[in-house]
Amino acid sequence: MRIAFFGSSLVSAYWNGAATYYRGVLRALAGRGHEVTFYEPDAYERQAHRDIPDPPWARVVIYQPREPDALRCLEEAARADLVVKASGVGVLDALLEREALRLRRAGGLVAFWDVDAPATLERLRADADDPFRPLVPRYDLVFTYGGGPPVVEAYLGLGARRCVPIYNALDPDTHHPAPAEPRFAADLSFLGNRLPDREARVREFFLRAAAALPGRRFLLGGAGWGDLALPANVRWLGHVYTREHNALNCSALAVLNVSRESMARFGHSPATRVFEAAGAGACLVSDAWVGMERFLEPGREVLLAESGAEVAEALGGLTPARAAAIGAAARRRVLAEHTYAHRALEVEAALGLRPGAGAAA
């Protein structure tokens, strides 16, 4: 199957939390014989902050963020068997969502892939005149990055023909155990860009825990936190490139996951860092949300907290031996059930493909 995918960026994770997800899913699909072309705009300085070169398993087309350039890419994509418009491209989203539907043809499919379904659905709920709302029923299929039954029900309520969650997962070739690095040494590390519906929860689960444990070391990675007043025991790293994630995850006693507010509210939305940390064998401490047990077993494969005080309590009682045991159990679980190879099979099933039917025509 020839796949044309319009997304934010495949080659840069700079202000682009979906990069690891795109790479994992599309690399696994390419490995099953599908031919992938990824169209991304030259925007937000992402090309200046590349994490990877153009990969051998996908053709990357970078276009200028102008309407004529986007339309030329769509014209080329008309030859694909599956055209995907992802949410959050960041430029010309409304144009791409509308014009991609013109590529529907006999024997071909056009899908919308929502990498931030809670935010999209809340936006549509708040604005009855949102231009995307009447387009939802016209797509052959809606894939989502997560969200579980609440997201599926919400999309079906908007008239979607089908809605299939394809959750984050692990690419074991990319995220795996690595030697610890002194510059990343900490008792608790957290990696995430500063976003409006994440900041309050980071203050609660991370900064409040740091304030409660002044003798412990905390590490904050991600863009946008530079002007935030931090406790003396918190060190800010700035943007952390994907190639450094394994060392970061393997250098702390524990790694924190903090969901964005909308994702925590919908549940069933494990962030990329959940699988990155588990793949590295790190001990993960996560904010609690509905559906975590689908991915990791609380108390054995992940530690859950309802507040910053509970994060501090979990960290205060955590020994290196227990942290290692939790990390090892999490790694076994995700390798057995939650790799992108598993997700590629789920995508093919949703598309009605027979196993082994991926070879490009």
Foldseek 3Di string as FASTA:
>chain_A
DEEEEEAQDQFFCAVNQCNVVVCFQQLLLLVLAYAAEYEAECDPCRVVHTQHDPDPSYHYHYFHLDDVRVVVSLVVCLPGQEYEYEPDSPGCSLVCLVVNLVSDDVNHFYEYEYAPQLVVLVVCVVDVVPSCLVSQLSGQEYEYQWLPPVSQVSSVVSNHPGYYYQYAAADLVQFAADDADPVLAFQEEEEDADDPQQVVQCCKAPQVLCVVCVPTAYEYEYADCVPPDGPPRYDYDYHDRSNCLNNNLNRHQAYEDGDGNSCQVSDGHDRNVLNSNLRNLFAYEYEDGPPVCVQANDPQQHDYDPTNVVSNVCSVPDDSVSRNRNSPRNNVRRVVAGGSNNSNVVVCVVVVHDRSRNHDD
